[in-house]
Amino acid sequence: SEEEIPESVTQRAKHQRLIDYNVDLLSHHLKRISSRQDALRRTGRRCSQGGLAPVIHEPSTEVDDHMPLDEVTEVIRLPQFDATAVKGYVDPESIELPKAVTSQLRRYVSVIGAMYRQNPFHNFEHASHVVMSVNKLLQRVVEPNIDIDFKKSKNIASDLHNYTFGITSDAVSQFAVVFAALIHDVDHWGVSNGQLIKEGAPMAEKYKNKSIAEQNSVDLAWDLLMDEEYEDLQKCIFTTDAEYKRFRQIVVNLVMATDIFDKELGELRKNRWAKAFSGEVVEGEDDLDDENRKATVVIEHIMQASDVAHAMQHWHVYQKWNRRLFDELYTAWRAERMGVDPSTFWYDGEMSFFDGYIIPLARKLKECGVFGVSSDECLNYAIDNRKEWEAKGQELVADIISDYEQRDREDAIRAKQAEEKLNGGGETGGNSVEPGGNRGKKKTRFSRRRSLITTGG
């Protein structure tokens, strides 16, 4: 039975499944990149834009005073539509990636997985959940007007390019979005940026108390990728300097977009949204600038929505991750690494989070106009979960606290038994637990449940 399988074995198996999933998905996107490169080669061209070889810059952590936050830009420029590449189309599924690339990709994902700490919420499983959500939204980027009959269009690829602001045409950008999801919480400490500042953590000073966890994740993951050990993987992702810079820019922008508490970043995104979708013409800019701004908004919203995707999915998914986030914060509070007991604000805090962030974000997905029915699905789940939480949230929080209190009582009993045994106390009366008895089995099951909660498994 599952109870007889050592927990370390089940955890390793689960971790390996997550690695396999991420490798398979990233391989699919690498094949799309290779497909486009093959199409360009067939037409006698290296790249539709920026044909110079990539200039690999110094690892970000080795540059004095460099911060990823400084690289955040209002507009990411995607390649213009290239009809020649479309004519030379190669089916991505027909591509076989070189063994060196697949080997390096697997090694990279495995190392990234190991760099995630075993927090209840901010762990490798969360990153994989965000990857899955990001990929789902990318797949559902469709034309904004479902009444448009693309079958009658003579320029379907061009029309799709325009309607999706160029996102569907650029495999490098799509790979970058998925990659950013994978690495966005690498080395997360399980506490807020504010707490890291309060504790005087060295990386808080390094990043000047701004988007600390997010910048740290970018630097660690990027410096790993730029290691010469992954040279073949690098060459598969980007073959030109333009692709290299675009890949880096998207990764930085998207990971920084997950810091929803930085006021300056929030104001930048707010103003950019107004420029992109207000319908007003920005003085001094052309249609291409407007298209690229919209593309930047869309991919950042894909990342932000995916980072909190559990709130826009089925109720049981929301409950699972909501509990894990509470566990993480409650653990921090009990370790005196959080100023306030989360149980005192969790119910009202979730209500405010739905009203002030989740539902408005889901509405913006719809307003972007490129997600088809997926935007309705996200919004409907968000509204439904909000209603469920309003009705059941207080009871659920009470149950969580009750679980912790029961756990504390059982821990106290075990501690007392251990002390009495150490002191030669012998029998411990009614609290004695026979190794082969039913209470011993219950204890084993409880210990396993507790470990699963505290490790995020």
Foldseek 3Di string as FASTA:
>chain_A
DVLPDDPVVVVVVVLVVLLVVLLVVLLLLLLVLVQLCQLQVVVVHRDPPFNAFADDDDQQVPDPLDFLVVLADLFQADDADDVSSVVSGDPSVVDDADPLQSVLSSVLLVVQQVQAALAQFLHQVLLSLLLVLLVVQLVQQAALDPPDDLVPDPCNVNNRCQRLLNSVVDSLLSSLLSVLSNQLQGNPPLADLVLCVVVVPPQCVSNVSAPRRRRVSLSVSVSVCSPPSNVSNVCSSDGGNSSVVSSSNSSSNQSSLQCCPDPVNVVSLVVLCCQQQVPDDDPPDDPSRSSRSLNSNQSSLSSNCSSQVQLQDALVSVVSNLLSSLLSVQVCVVVVSDDDNCLVCVLVVVLCCLVPPQLVSLVVNSSSSGRPCVSVSSNVSNVVNSVVSVVCVNVVSVVSVVLVVVVVVVVVLVVVVVVCVVVVVPDDPPSDDDCPDPVVSVVSVVVSVVVCSRSSD
